[in-house]
Amino acid sequence: MGFLARQLLHHNLKKATVEFARDGAYINMYRGQRSNYGFTSGLLGYRPESYSLHNAFTEAKKRNVEILISRMAILKATVPNLARFDTGK
């Protein structure tokens, strides 16, 4: 999802917030399944199968890109893995 979101941007990414629905599946397991790495890596432009996944946070810091994970979004979980991206533009 992060990679797809990055493809839709028409500007250089400096900051992004990933928000999860309060009653969705991500809220309790995004760290355990490493979704935070996947979202960050994808937002940096790396494909899901990229080896860069494990270095996502280091690469974001190196590029001066701030990625925030918000578990407090007021979203209705119409599907279990609902996430919303905000890039501040």
PDB file of N, CA and C in Angstrom:
ATOM      1  N   MET A   1       0.813  -1.183   0.000  1.00  0.00           N
ATOM      2  CA  MET A   1       0.000   0.000   0.000  1.00  0.00           C
ATOM      3  C   MET A   1       0.863   1.255   0.000  1.00  0.00           C
ATOM      4  N   GLY A   2       1.959   1.214   0.725  1.00  0.00           N
ATOM      5  CA  GLY A   2       2.860   2.363   0.755  1.00  0.00           C
ATOM      6  C   GLY A   2       3.465   2.646  -0.609  1.00  0.00           C
ATOM      7  N   PHE A   3       3.850   1.585  -1.317  1.00  0.00           N
ATOM      8  CA  PHE A   3       4.442   1.745  -2.648  1.00  0.00           C
ATOM      9  C   PHE A   3       3.426   2.342  -3.613  1.00  0.00           C
ATOM     10  N   LEU A   4       2.197   1.861  -3.574  1.00  0.00           N
ATOM     11  CA  LEU A   4       1.153   2.400  -4.438  1.00  0.00           C
ATOM     12  C   LEU A   4       0.891   3.870  -4.117  1.00  0.00           C
ATOM     13  N   ALA A   5       0.821   4.198  -2.831  1.00  0.00           N
ATOM     14  CA  ALA A   5       0.612   5.596  -2.439  1.00  0.00           C
ATOM     15  C   ALA A   5       1.734   6.479  -2.962  1.00  0.00           C
ATOM     16  N   ARG A   6       2.963   5.997  -2.885  1.00  0.00           N
ATOM     17  CA  ARG A   6       4.117   6.771  -3.368  1.00  0.00           C
ATOM     18  C   ARG A   6       4.011   7.030  -4.865  1.00  0.00           C
ATOM     19  N   GLN A   7       3.517   6.058  -5.619  1.00  0.00           N
ATOM     20  CA  GLN A   7       3.385   6.214  -7.065  1.00  0.00           C
ATOM     21  C   GLN A   7       2.373   7.295  -7.426  1.00  0.00           C
ATOM     22  N   LEU A   8       1.437   7.567  -6.545  1.00  0.00           N
ATOM     23  CA  LEU A   8       0.401   8.563  -6.808  1.00  0.00           C
ATOM     24  C   LEU A   8       0.839   9.991  -6.471  1.00  0.00           C
ATOM     25  N   LEU A   9       1.951  10.129  -5.767  1.00  0.00           N
ATOM     26  CA  LEU A   9       2.433  11.457  -5.375  1.00  0.00           C
ATOM     27  C   LEU A   9       3.102  12.160  -6.552  1.00  0.00           C
ATOM     28  N   HIS A  10       2.895  13.454  -6.624  1.00  0.00           N
ATOM     29  CA  HIS A  10       3.519  14.253  -7.675  1.00  0.00           C
ATOM     30  C   HIS A  10       4.491  15.265  -7.075  1.00  0.00           C
ATOM     31  N   HIS A  11       5.033  14.928  -5.920  1.00  0.00           N
ATOM     32  CA  HIS A  11       5.988  15.812  -5.261  1.00  0.00           C
ATOM     33  C   HIS A  11       6.960  14.958  -4.456  1.00  0.00           C
ATOM     34  N   ASN A  12       8.053  15.563  -4.038  1.00  0.00           N
ATOM     35  CA  ASN A  12       9.014  14.857  -3.195  1.00  0.00           C
ATOM     36  C   ASN A  12       8.419  14.687  -1.808  1.00  0.00           C
ATOM     37  N   LEU A  13       8.505  13.502  -1.295  1.00  0.00           N
ATOM     38  CA  LEU A  13       7.948  13.197   0.017  1.00  0.00           C
ATOM     39  C   LEU A  13       8.892  13.676   1.112  1.00  0.00           C
ATOM     40  N   LYS A  14       8.369  14.477   2.021  1.00  0.00           N
ATOM     41  CA  LYS A  14       9.135  14.923   3.186  1.00  0.00           C
ATOM     42  C   LYS A  14       8.526  14.423   4.485  1.00  0.00           C
ATOM     43  N   LYS A  15       7.211  14.220   4.473  1.00  0.00           N
ATOM     44  CA  LYS A  15       6.527  13.757   5.674  1.00  0.00           C
ATOM     45  C   LYS A  15       5.265  13.013   5.255  1.00  0.00           C
ATOM     46  N   ALA A  16       4.989  11.927   5.958  1.00  0.00           N
ATOM     47  CA  ALA A  16       3.757  11.184   5.710  1.00  0.00           C
ATOM     48  C   ALA A  16       3.261  10.613   7.025  1.00  0.00           C
ATOM     49  N   THR A  17       1.959  10.550   7.144  1.00  0.00           N
ATOM     50  CA  THR A  17       1.328   9.909   8.290  1.00  0.00           C
ATOM     51  C   THR A  17       0.502   8.749   7.790  1.00  0.00           C
ATOM     52  N   VAL A  18       0.671   7.602   8.412  1.00  0.00           N
ATOM     53  CA  VAL A  18      -0.117   6.412   8.109  1.00  0.00           C
ATOM     54  C   VAL A  18      -1.070   6.238   9.277  1.00  0.00           C
ATOM     55  N   GLU A  19      -2.370   6.246   8.991  1.00  0.00           N
ATOM     56  CA  GLU A  19      -3.379   6.142  10.036  1.00  0.00           C
ATOM     57  C   GLU A  19      -4.150   4.843   9.892  1.00  0.00           C
ATOM     58  N   PHE A  20      -4.415   4.216  11.020  1.00  0.00           N
ATOM     59  CA  PHE A  20      -5.180   2.969  11.045  1.00  0.00           C
ATOM     60  C   PHE A  20      -6.532   3.198  11.697  1.00  0.00           C
ATOM     61  N   ALA A  21      -7.519   2.436  11.258  1.00  0.00           N
ATOM     62  CA  ALA A  21      -8.834   2.473  11.898  1.00  0.00           C
ATOM     63  C   ALA A  21      -8.710   1.901  13.309  1.00  0.00           C
ATOM     64  N   ARG A  22      -9.378   2.516  14.256  1.00  0.00           N
ATOM     65  CA  ARG A  22      -9.289   2.080  15.658  1.00  0.00           C
ATOM     66  C   ARG A  22      -9.734   0.637  15.861  1.00  0.00           C
ATOM     67  N   ASP A  23     -10.697   0.191  15.101  1.00  0.00           N
ATOM     68  CA  ASP A  23     -11.212  -1.170  15.281  1.00  0.00           C
ATOM     69  C   ASP A  23     -10.779  -2.107  14.156  1.00  0.00           C
ATOM     70  N   GLY A  24      -9.723  -1.742  13.431  1.00  0.00           N
ATOM     71  CA  GLY A  24      -9.227  -2.569  12.333  1.00  0.00           C
ATOM     72  C   GLY A  24      -8.144  -3.538  12.780  1.00  0.00           C
ATOM     73  N   ALA A  25      -7.687  -4.345  11.850  1.00  0.00           N
ATOM     74  CA  ALA A  25      -6.687  -5.377  12.141  1.00  0.00           C
ATOM     75  C   ALA A  25      -5.293  -4.807  12.417  1.00  0.00           C
ATOM     76  N   TYR A  26      -4.924  -3.710  11.777  1.00  0.00           N
ATOM     77  CA  TYR A  26      -3.577  -3.162  11.952  1.00  0.00           C
ATOM     78  C   TYR A  26      -3.314  -2.652  13.361  1.00  0.00           C
ATOM     79  N   ILE A  27      -4.320  -2.186  14.020  1.00  0.00           N
ATOM     80  CA  ILE A  27      -4.151  -1.490  15.290  1.00  0.00           C
ATOM     81  C   ILE A  27      -3.334  -2.276  16.311  1.00  0.00           C
ATOM     82  N   ASN A  28      -3.497  -3.574  16.364  1.00  0.00           N
ATOM     83  CA  ASN A  28      -2.793  -4.387  17.358  1.00  0.00           C
ATOM     84  C   ASN A  28      -1.625  -5.189  16.798  1.00  0.00           C
ATOM     85  N   MET A  29      -1.498  -5.286  15.484  1.00  0.00           N
ATOM     86  CA  MET A  29      -0.476  -6.191  14.963  1.00  0.00           C
ATOM     87  C   MET A  29       0.436  -5.603  13.895  1.00  0.00           C
ATOM     88  N   TYR A  30       0.374  -4.299  13.650  1.00  0.00           N
ATOM     89  CA  TYR A  30       1.193  -3.741  12.575  1.00  0.00           C
ATOM     90  C   TYR A  30       2.686  -3.889  12.840  1.00  0.00           C
ATOM     91  N   ARG A  31       3.117  -3.824  14.089  1.00  0.00           N
ATOM     92  CA  ARG A  31       4.546  -4.000  14.390  1.00  0.00           C
ATOM     93  C   ARG A  31       4.956  -5.464  14.269  1.00  0.00           C
ATOM     94  N   GLY A  32       4.137  -6.351  14.800  1.00  0.00           N
ATOM     95  CA  GLY A  32       4.465  -7.776  14.765  1.00  0.00           C
ATOM     96  C   GLY A  32       4.570  -8.324  13.354  1.00  0.00           C
ATOM     97  N   GLN A  33       3.729  -7.840  12.465  1.00  0.00           N
ATOM     98  CA  GLN A  33       3.805  -8.301  11.079  1.00  0.00           C
ATOM     99  C   GLN A  33       4.671  -7.371  10.222  1.00  0.00           C
ATOM    100  N   ARG A  34       5.304  -6.394  10.892  1.00  0.00           N
ATOM    101  CA  ARG A  34       6.232  -5.455  10.259  1.00  0.00           C
ATOM    102  C   ARG A  34       5.601  -4.594   9.179  1.00  0.00           C
ATOM    103  N   SER A  35       4.327  -4.304   9.335  1.00  0.00           N
ATOM    104  CA  SER A  35       3.654  -3.402   8.398  1.00  0.00           C
ATOM    105  C   SER A  35       4.274  -2.011   8.442  1.00  0.00           C
ATOM    106  N   ASN A  36       4.775  -1.617   9.611  1.00  0.00           N
ATOM    107  CA  ASN A  36       5.417  -0.306   9.716  1.00  0.00           C
ATOM    108  C   ASN A  36       6.639  -0.216   8.796  1.00  0.00           C
ATOM    109  N   TYR A  37       7.383  -1.313   8.666  1.00  0.00           N
ATOM    110  CA  TYR A  37       8.500  -1.355   7.727  1.00  0.00           C
ATOM    111  C   TYR A  37       7.993  -1.309   6.292  1.00  0.00           C
ATOM    112  N   GLY A  38       6.947  -2.071   6.019  1.00  0.00           N
ATOM    113  CA  GLY A  38       6.389  -2.128   4.668  1.00  0.00           C
ATOM    114  C   GLY A  38       5.851  -0.779   4.213  1.00  0.00           C
ATOM    115  N   PHE A  39       5.092  -0.109   5.083  1.00  0.00           N
ATOM    116  CA  PHE A  39       4.566   1.204   4.733  1.00  0.00           C
ATOM    117  C   PHE A  39       5.698   2.189   4.484  1.00  0.00           C
ATOM    118  N   THR A  40       6.683   2.209   5.368  1.00  0.00           N
ATOM    119  CA  THR A  40       7.803   3.138   5.244  1.00  0.00           C
ATOM    120  C   THR A  40       8.609   2.862   3.988  1.00  0.00           C
ATOM    121  N   SER A  41       8.956   1.620   3.756  1.00  0.00           N
ATOM    122  CA  SER A  41       9.717   1.247   2.572  1.00  0.00           C
ATOM    123  C   SER A  41       8.964   1.619   1.294  1.00  0.00           C
ATOM    124  N   GLY A  42       7.681   1.311   1.256  1.00  0.00           N
ATOM    125  CA  GLY A  42       6.872   1.638   0.087  1.00  0.00           C
ATOM    126  C   GLY A  42       6.776   3.134  -0.151  1.00  0.00           C
ATOM    127  N   LEU A  43       6.593   3.897   0.912  1.00  0.00           N
ATOM    128  CA  LEU A  43       6.513   5.351   0.767  1.00  0.00           C
ATOM    129  C   LEU A  43       7.827   5.959   0.286  1.00  0.00           C
ATOM    130  N   LEU A  44       8.921   5.251   0.517  1.00  0.00           N
ATOM    131  CA  LEU A  44      10.214   5.701   0.003  1.00  0.00           C
ATOM    132  C   LEU A  44      10.407   5.311  -1.461  1.00  0.00           C
ATOM    133  N   GLY A  45       9.476   4.512  -1.995  1.00  0.00           N
ATOM    134  CA  GLY A  45       9.536   4.132  -3.401  1.00  0.00           C
ATOM    135  C   GLY A  45      10.041   2.730  -3.664  1.00  0.00           C
ATOM    136  N   TYR A  46      10.242   1.951  -2.615  1.00  0.00           N
ATOM    137  CA  TYR A  46      10.725   0.582  -2.801  1.00  0.00           C
ATOM    138  C   TYR A  46       9.560  -0.379  -2.975  1.00  0.00           C
ATOM    139  N   ARG A  47       9.712  -1.311  -3.874  1.00  0.00           N
ATOM    140  CA  ARG A  47       8.686  -2.326  -4.126  1.00  0.00           C
ATOM    141  C   ARG A  47       8.613  -3.283  -2.930  1.00  0.00           C
ATOM    142  N   PRO A  48       7.478  -3.951  -2.754  1.00  0.00           N
ATOM    143  CA  PRO A  48       7.298  -4.838  -1.588  1.00  0.00           C
ATOM    144  C   PRO A  48       8.352  -5.945  -1.465  1.00  0.00           C
ATOM    145  N   GLU A  49       8.868  -6.429  -2.578  1.00  0.00           N
ATOM    146  CA  GLU A  49       9.848  -7.520  -2.518  1.00  0.00           C
ATOM    147  C   GLU A  49      11.286  -7.024  -2.363  1.00  0.00           C
ATOM    148  N   SER A  50      11.478  -5.734  -2.216  1.00  0.00           N
ATOM    149  CA  SER A  50      12.811  -5.148  -2.122  1.00  0.00           C
ATOM    150  C   SER A  50      13.517  -5.551  -0.824  1.00  0.00           C
ATOM    151  N   TYR A  51      14.819  -5.703  -0.908  1.00  0.00           N
ATOM    152  CA  TYR A  51      15.625  -5.981   0.278  1.00  0.00           C
ATOM    153  C   TYR A  51      15.746  -4.757   1.182  1.00  0.00           C
ATOM    154  N   SER A  52      15.359  -3.606   0.684  1.00  0.00           N
ATOM    155  CA  SER A  52      15.435  -2.366   1.449  1.00  0.00           C
ATOM    156  C   SER A  52      14.420  -2.313   2.585  1.00  0.00           C
ATOM    157  N   LEU A  53      13.511  -3.253   2.635  1.00  0.00           N
ATOM    158  CA  LEU A  53      12.482  -3.288   3.673  1.00  0.00           C
ATOM    159  C   LEU A  53      13.095  -3.220   5.066  1.00  0.00           C
ATOM    160  N   HIS A  54      14.144  -3.969   5.302  1.00  0.00           N
ATOM    161  CA  HIS A  54      14.748  -4.047   6.636  1.00  0.00           C
ATOM    162  C   HIS A  54      15.478  -2.760   7.035  1.00  0.00           C
ATOM    163  N   ASN A  55      15.808  -1.932   6.056  1.00  0.00           N
ATOM    164  CA  ASN A  55      16.513  -0.675   6.329  1.00  0.00           C
ATOM    165  C   ASN A  55      15.615   0.542   6.138  1.00  0.00           C
ATOM    166  N   ALA A  56      14.312   0.329   6.153  1.00  0.00           N
ATOM    167  CA  ALA A  56      13.370   1.399   5.817  1.00  0.00           C
ATOM    168  C   ALA A  56      13.522   2.622   6.720  1.00  0.00           C
ATOM    169  N   PHE A  57      13.612   2.419   8.021  1.00  0.00           N
ATOM    170  CA  PHE A  57      13.687   3.557   8.942  1.00  0.00           C
ATOM    171  C   PHE A  57      15.013   4.298   8.807  1.00  0.00           C
ATOM    172  N   THR A  58      16.088   3.560   8.624  1.00  0.00           N
ATOM    173  CA  THR A  58      17.406   4.171   8.420  1.00  0.00           C
ATOM    174  C   THR A  58      17.420   4.983   7.132  1.00  0.00           C
ATOM    175  N   GLU A  59      16.847   4.417   6.081  1.00  0.00           N
ATOM    176  CA  GLU A  59      16.804   5.110   4.791  1.00  0.00           C
ATOM    177  C   GLU A  59      15.933   6.362   4.865  1.00  0.00           C
ATOM    178  N   ALA A  60      14.825   6.297   5.570  1.00  0.00           N
ATOM    179  CA  ALA A  60      13.957   7.471   5.724  1.00  0.00           C
ATOM    180  C   ALA A  60      14.707   8.582   6.449  1.00  0.00           C
ATOM    181  N   LYS A  61      15.422   8.219   7.499  1.00  0.00           N
ATOM    182  CA  LYS A  61      16.194   9.220   8.255  1.00  0.00           C
ATOM    183  C   LYS A  61      17.280   9.831   7.372  1.00  0.00           C
ATOM    184  N   LYS A  62      17.951   8.985   6.599  1.00  0.00           N
ATOM    185  CA  LYS A  62      19.007   9.457   5.714  1.00  0.00           C
ATOM    186  C   LYS A  62      18.456  10.434   4.664  1.00  0.00           C
ATOM    187  N   ARG A  63      17.249  10.186   4.190  1.00  0.00           N
ATOM    188  CA  ARG A  63      16.620  11.057   3.191  1.00  0.00           C
ATOM    189  C   ARG A  63      15.877  12.239   3.820  1.00  0.00           C
ATOM    190  N   ASN A  64      15.891  12.301   5.140  1.00  0.00           N
ATOM    191  CA  ASN A  64      15.190  13.359   5.865  1.00  0.00           C
ATOM    192  C   ASN A  64      13.681  13.325   5.599  1.00  0.00           C
ATOM    193  N   VAL A  65      13.125  12.105   5.584  1.00  0.00           N
ATOM    194  CA  VAL A  65      11.689  11.888   5.395  1.00  0.00           C
ATOM    195  C   VAL A  65      11.122  11.391   6.718  1.00  0.00           C
ATOM    196  N   GLU A  66      10.097  12.068   7.197  1.00  0.00           N
ATOM    197  CA  GLU A  66       9.463  11.703   8.464  1.00  0.00           C
ATOM    198  C   GLU A  66       8.213  10.876   8.181  1.00  0.00           C
ATOM    199  N   ILE A  67       8.182   9.651   8.703  1.00  0.00           N
ATOM    200  CA  ILE A  67       7.025   8.769   8.557  1.00  0.00           C
ATOM    201  C   ILE A  67       6.455   8.527   9.950  1.00  0.00           C
ATOM    202  N   LEU A  68       5.213   8.910  10.158  1.00  0.00           N
ATOM    203  CA  LEU A  68       4.539   8.726  11.439  1.00  0.00           C
ATOM    204  C   LEU A  68       3.466   7.655  11.295  1.00  0.00           C
ATOM    205  N   ILE A  69       3.334   6.824  12.308  1.00  0.00           N
ATOM    206  CA  ILE A  69       2.283   5.808  12.354  1.00  0.00           C
ATOM    207  C   ILE A  69       1.289   6.248  13.424  1.00  0.00           C
ATOM    208  N   SER A  70       0.037   6.434  13.028  1.00  0.00           N
ATOM    209  CA  SER A  70      -0.993   6.874  13.957  1.00  0.00           C
ATOM    210  C   SER A  70      -2.024   5.774  14.142  1.00  0.00           C
ATOM    211  N   ARG A  71      -2.177   5.353  15.372  1.00  0.00           N
ATOM    212  CA  ARG A  71      -3.180   4.334  15.683  1.00  0.00           C
ATOM    213  C   ARG A  71      -4.460   4.978  16.194  1.00  0.00           C
ATOM    214  N   MET A  72      -4.576   6.261  16.118  1.00  0.00           N
ATOM    215  CA  MET A  72      -5.702   6.960  16.718  1.00  0.00           C
ATOM    216  C   MET A  72      -6.657   7.550  15.677  1.00  0.00           C
ATOM    217  N   ALA A  73      -6.565   7.113  14.456  1.00  0.00           N
ATOM    218  CA  ALA A  73      -7.428   7.670  13.415  1.00  0.00           C
ATOM    219  C   ALA A  73      -8.893   7.368  13.703  1.00  0.00           C
ATOM    220  N   ILE A  74      -9.715   8.320  13.380  1.00  0.00           N
ATOM    221  CA  ILE A  74     -11.152   8.128  13.559  1.00  0.00           C
ATOM    222  C   ILE A  74     -11.699   7.621  12.225  1.00  0.00           C
ATOM    223  N   LEU A  75     -11.344   6.396  11.913  1.00  0.00           N
ATOM    224  CA  LEU A  75     -11.790   5.745  10.687  1.00  0.00           C
ATOM    225  C   LEU A  75     -12.672   4.567  11.048  1.00  0.00           C
ATOM    226  N   LYS A  76     -13.669   4.329  10.264  1.00  0.00           N
ATOM    227  CA  LYS A  76     -14.497   3.134  10.426  1.00  0.00           C
ATOM    228  C   LYS A  76     -13.841   2.028   9.627  1.00  0.00           C
ATOM    229  N   ALA A  77     -13.585   0.907  10.274  1.00  0.00           N
ATOM    230  CA  ALA A  77     -12.916  -0.212   9.608  1.00  0.00           C
ATOM    231  C   ALA A  77     -13.907  -0.944   8.701  1.00  0.00           C
ATOM    232  N   THR A  78     -14.119  -0.395   7.513  1.00  0.00           N
ATOM    233  CA  THR A  78     -15.023  -1.038   6.560  1.00  0.00           C
ATOM    234  C   THR A  78     -14.425  -2.322   6.007  1.00  0.00           C
ATOM    235  N   VAL A  79     -13.105  -2.432   6.069  1.00  0.00           N
ATOM    236  CA  VAL A  79     -12.371  -3.663   5.791  1.00  0.00           C
ATOM    237  C   VAL A  79     -11.333  -3.794   6.899  1.00  0.00           C
ATOM    238  N   PRO A  80     -10.891  -5.005   7.229  1.00  0.00           N
ATOM    239  CA  PRO A  80      -9.977  -5.175   8.374  1.00  0.00           C
ATOM    240  C   PRO A  80      -8.645  -4.425   8.260  1.00  0.00           C
ATOM    241  N   ASN A  81      -8.074  -4.358   7.072  1.00  0.00           N
ATOM    242  CA  ASN A  81      -6.754  -3.736   6.895  1.00  0.00           C
ATOM    243  C   ASN A  81      -6.853  -2.353   6.284  1.00  0.00           C
ATOM    244  N   LEU A  82      -7.714  -1.528   6.830  1.00  0.00           N
ATOM    245  CA  LEU A  82      -7.893  -0.173   6.331  1.00  0.00           C
ATOM    246  C   LEU A  82      -6.779   0.728   6.865  1.00  0.00           C
ATOM    247  N   ALA A  83      -6.150   1.472   5.972  1.00  0.00           N
ATOM    248  CA  ALA A  83      -5.143   2.466   6.352  1.00  0.00           C
ATOM    249  C   ALA A  83      -5.338   3.689   5.477  1.00  0.00           C
ATOM    250  N   ARG A  84      -4.993   4.849   6.030  1.00  0.00           N
ATOM    251  CA  ARG A  84      -5.084   6.103   5.274  1.00  0.00           C
ATOM    252  C   ARG A  84      -3.712   6.769   5.339  1.00  0.00           C
ATOM    253  N   PHE A  85      -3.318   7.351   4.226  1.00  0.00           N
ATOM    254  CA  PHE A  85      -2.036   8.038   4.129  1.00  0.00           C
ATOM    255  C   PHE A  85      -2.284   9.537   3.974  1.00  0.00           C
ATOM    256  N   ASP A  86      -1.517  10.336   4.696  1.00  0.00           N
ATOM    257  CA  ASP A  86      -1.578  11.792   4.580  1.00  0.00           C
ATOM    258  C   ASP A  86      -0.162  12.276   4.355  1.00  0.00           C
ATOM    259  N   THR A  87       0.061  12.952   3.253  1.00  0.00           N
ATOM    260  CA  THR A  87       1.405  13.439   2.936  1.00  0.00           C
ATOM    261  C   THR A  87       1.528  14.939   3.145  1.00  0.00           C
ATOM    262  N   GLY A  88       0.517  15.562   3.720  1.00  0.00           N
ATOM    263  CA  GLY A  88       0.617  16.969   4.058  1.00  0.00           C
ATOM    264  C   GLY A  88       0.492  17.930   2.911  1.00  0.00           C
ATOM    265  N   LYS A  89       0.175  17.489   1.750  1.00  0.00           N
ATOM    266  CA  LYS A  89       0.019  18.401   0.600  1.00  0.00           C
ATOM    267  C   LYS A  89      -1.423  18.553   0.264  1.00  0.00           C
TER     268      LYS A  89
END
